[in-house]
C-alpha cells in the first residue's frame, strides 16, 4: 500500500510540475531582416499572442501567432509595400506550433509547423531556454525562403530582393 501511495504522489508531482504560461507582450518580440543589393531592412513585431507548456527544465509545447500588420520597420512606405507583397488582408496571421521538442542542457530543438502566406511548412528551430523566477525566456533565430511560401519578391532597379529572410525572436512567458 505504501508503494502504491508513493507512486501516486510521484505521478501527481510530475503532473503538477507542468505549467501553461502566456506570452508576456510587454517584453517579447519577433523581428525579420532581408537584403537587396542596394540596402538592408528589418521590421519588428511587439504585439504577439502565444502559449507555452513547460515542465521544470524543458519546453513541452509552444504556439505563437503574429499579425503581419504588426511588423513595423520605422518606414511607413516600406511597411505598406511589405503588407501588399505579403497580402496581409488575405493572410493576416503568421502561426507557429510545435510538433516535437528535444531539450538538453538549456538548449532545445523545436520541430514545428509555420503557416505563412497561406502555406504551411515544417521547420526546425534551435532555441535557448532560460528560467528566472516565474519567467521563462526563449531566444532563437532561423531563416525562411520567401519562395517556399509563394511570395513574389519585389524588384528594385531590375533586381529582386534576396529570397532568404532571417527571423530572430526573444519570447518571455510568465
Protein backbone atom coordinates (compact mmCIF):
# COMPACT_ATOMS: atom_id res chain seq x y z
CA UNK A 1 0.00 0.00 0.00
CA UNK A 2 2.83 2.42 0.83
CA UNK A 3 4.46 1.71 -2.52
CA UNK A 4 1.20 2.49 -4.34
CA UNK A 5 0.84 5.75 -2.38
CA UNK A 6 4.44 6.74 -3.20
CA UNK A 7 3.90 6.02 -6.90
CA UNK A 8 0.71 8.12 -6.90
CA UNK A 9 2.49 11.03 -5.16
CA UNK A 10 5.40 10.93 -7.61
CA UNK A 11 2.99 10.77 -10.55
CA UNK A 12 0.93 13.69 -9.25
CA UNK A 13 4.06 15.77 -8.61
CA UNK A 14 5.19 15.08 -12.13
CA UNK A 15 1.84 16.28 -13.48
CA UNK A 16 1.76 19.41 -11.36
CA UNK A 17 5.30 20.42 -12.40
CA UNK A 18 3.96 21.16 -15.87
CA UNK A 19 2.85 24.74 -16.44
CA UNK A 20 0.94 26.53 -19.16
CA UNK A 21 2.14 30.13 -19.48
CA UNK A 22 1.01 33.11 -21.57
CA UNK A 23 3.42 35.21 -23.57
CA UNK A 24 4.44 38.49 -21.94
CA UNK A 25 3.58 41.00 -24.67
CA UNK A 26 5.40 43.84 -22.91
CA UNK A 27 8.81 42.17 -23.39
CA UNK A 28 8.52 39.71 -26.29
CA UNK A 29 9.37 40.43 -29.91
CA UNK A 30 9.96 38.82 -33.28
CA UNK A 31 11.94 40.58 -35.99
CA UNK A 32 12.86 39.83 -39.56
CA UNK A 33 15.56 41.19 -41.81
CA UNK A 34 16.22 40.97 -45.51
CA UNK A 35 18.58 42.25 -48.17
CA UNK A 36 18.63 43.88 -51.55
CA UNK A 37 21.90 44.75 -53.26
CA UNK A 38 21.18 48.44 -52.50
CA UNK A 39 20.12 48.17 -48.87
CA UNK A 40 19.14 46.02 -45.92
CA UNK A 41 15.91 46.33 -43.97
CA UNK A 42 14.27 44.94 -40.86
CA UNK A 43 10.96 45.08 -39.02
CA UNK A 44 9.85 44.11 -35.53
CA UNK A 45 6.59 42.87 -34.03
CA UNK A 46 5.96 43.50 -30.32
CA UNK A 47 2.30 42.50 -30.35
CA UNK A 48 2.35 38.71 -30.17
CA UNK A 49 0.00 36.04 -28.87
CA UNK A 50 1.23 32.73 -27.57
CA UNK A 51 1.30 29.95 -25.03
CA UNK A 52 4.00 27.62 -23.81
CA UNK A 53 3.69 24.38 -21.87
CA UNK A 54 6.81 23.64 -19.85
CA UNK A 55 7.97 21.43 -17.05
CA UNK A 56 10.81 22.22 -14.66
CA UNK A 57 13.52 22.35 -17.34
CA UNK A 58 12.01 21.64 -20.75
CA UNK A 59 9.65 23.05 -23.33
CA UNK A 60 6.84 20.58 -23.94
CA UNK A 61 4.77 22.55 -26.43
CA UNK A 62 4.62 26.09 -27.84
CA UNK A 63 2.35 28.09 -30.13
CA UNK A 64 2.82 31.68 -31.37
CA UNK A 65 0.65 33.97 -33.52
CA UNK A 66 1.95 37.20 -35.08
CA UNK A 67 -0.10 39.53 -37.26
CA UNK A 68 1.62 40.63 -40.46
CA UNK A 69 0.47 44.25 -39.99
CA UNK A 70 2.09 44.41 -36.55
CA UNK A 71 5.60 44.22 -38.06
CA UNK A 72 6.97 47.76 -38.12
CA UNK A 73 10.19 48.92 -39.76
CA UNK A 74 10.02 52.59 -38.87
CA UNK A 75 9.44 53.37 -42.56
CA UNK A 76 5.71 53.56 -43.39
CA UNK A 77 6.35 53.23 -47.14
CA UNK A 78 8.38 50.04 -46.65
CA UNK A 79 5.73 48.66 -44.27
CA UNK A 80 2.94 49.41 -46.73
CA UNK A 81 4.81 47.65 -49.55
CA UNK A 82 5.52 44.67 -47.28
CA UNK A 83 1.84 44.32 -46.35
CA UNK A 84 0.91 44.45 -50.04
CA UNK A 85 3.51 41.85 -51.09
CA UNK A 86 2.60 39.57 -48.19
CA UNK A 87 -1.11 40.01 -48.92
CA UNK A 88 -1.78 40.90 -45.29
CA UNK A 89 -5.53 41.30 -45.82
CA UNK A 90 -5.83 37.81 -47.32
CA UNK A 91 -3.28 36.14 -44.98
CA UNK A 92 -3.27 38.25 -41.80
CA UNK A 93 -1.50 35.84 -39.43
CA UNK A 94 1.79 34.01 -39.16
CA UNK A 95 1.31 30.97 -36.95
CA UNK A 96 3.89 28.63 -35.42
CA UNK A 97 3.00 25.48 -33.49
CA UNK A 98 5.37 22.86 -32.22
CA UNK A 99 5.15 19.20 -33.19
CA UNK A 100 8.00 17.86 -31.07
CA UNK A 101 10.65 19.29 -28.78
CA UNK A 102 14.02 17.79 -27.91
CA UNK A 103 15.71 19.51 -24.97
CA UNK A 104 19.15 19.16 -23.44
CA UNK A 105 21.14 21.45 -21.12
CA UNK A 106 19.03 24.58 -21.67
CA UNK A 107 19.01 24.17 -25.45
CA UNK A 108 16.04 22.85 -27.38
CA UNK A 109 15.35 21.88 -30.95
CA UNK A 110 11.72 22.53 -31.79
CA UNK A 111 10.24 20.83 -34.82
CA UNK A 112 7.09 22.65 -35.81
CA UNK A 113 4.76 23.92 -38.44
CA UNK A 114 4.79 27.52 -39.61
CA UNK A 115 1.84 28.89 -41.54
CA UNK A 116 2.80 31.94 -43.57
CA UNK A 117 1.10 33.44 -46.62
CA UNK A 118 -1.46 30.62 -46.55
CA UNK A 119 1.16 27.85 -46.79
CA UNK A 120 2.17 25.50 -44.00
CA UNK A 121 5.76 24.21 -43.84
CA UNK A 122 7.77 22.11 -41.40
CA UNK A 123 10.71 23.91 -39.80
CA UNK A 124 13.30 23.13 -37.15
CA UNK A 125 14.25 25.89 -34.75
CA UNK A 126 17.07 25.81 -32.20
CA UNK A 127 16.30 27.84 -29.08
CA UNK A 128 17.92 28.72 -25.79
CA UNK A 129 15.70 28.40 -22.72
CA UNK A 130 16.32 30.47 -19.58
CA UNK A 131 14.17 30.41 -16.46
CA UNK A 132 14.38 33.25 -13.94
CA UNK A 133 11.92 33.12 -11.05
CA UNK A 134 8.50 32.61 -12.69
CA UNK A 135 9.57 33.86 -16.12
CA UNK A 136 10.65 31.63 -18.99
CA UNK A 137 12.70 33.25 -21.76
CA UNK A 138 13.25 31.71 -25.20
CA UNK A 139 15.75 33.12 -27.73
CA UNK A 140 16.46 31.90 -31.21
CA UNK A 141 16.70 32.56 -34.91
CA UNK A 142 16.06 30.80 -38.19
CA UNK A 143 15.76 31.60 -41.88
CA UNK A 144 12.87 31.31 -44.31
CA UNK A 145 12.88 31.38 -48.07
CA UNK A 146 10.10 33.56 -49.46
CA UNK A 147 9.78 31.26 -52.49
CA UNK A 148 8.78 28.39 -50.16
CA UNK A 149 5.66 30.41 -49.34
CA UNK A 150 4.83 31.50 -52.91
CA UNK A 151 5.71 35.12 -52.20
CA UNK A 152 6.51 37.12 -55.32
CA UNK A 153 9.65 39.03 -54.35
CA UNK A 154 9.58 42.71 -55.30
CA UNK A 155 12.24 44.23 -57.53
CA UNK A 156 14.14 47.46 -57.36
CA UNK A 157 16.29 48.53 -60.33
CA UNK A 158 15.50 45.22 -62.05
CA UNK A 159 16.87 43.11 -59.16
CA UNK A 160 14.66 41.21 -56.76
CA UNK A 161 15.14 41.26 -53.01
CA UNK A 162 17.01 38.26 -51.62
CA UNK A 163 14.92 35.12 -51.20
CA UNK A 164 16.21 34.45 -47.68
CA UNK A 165 14.71 36.27 -44.69
CA UNK A 166 16.29 35.98 -41.23
CA UNK A 167 13.90 35.70 -38.28
CA UNK A 168 15.03 36.46 -34.71
CA UNK A 169 12.94 36.21 -31.59
CA UNK A 170 13.05 36.77 -27.87
CA UNK A 171 9.97 35.50 -26.09
CA UNK A 172 9.05 35.84 -22.44
CA UNK A 173 6.38 33.73 -20.74
CA UNK A 174 5.17 34.31 -17.21
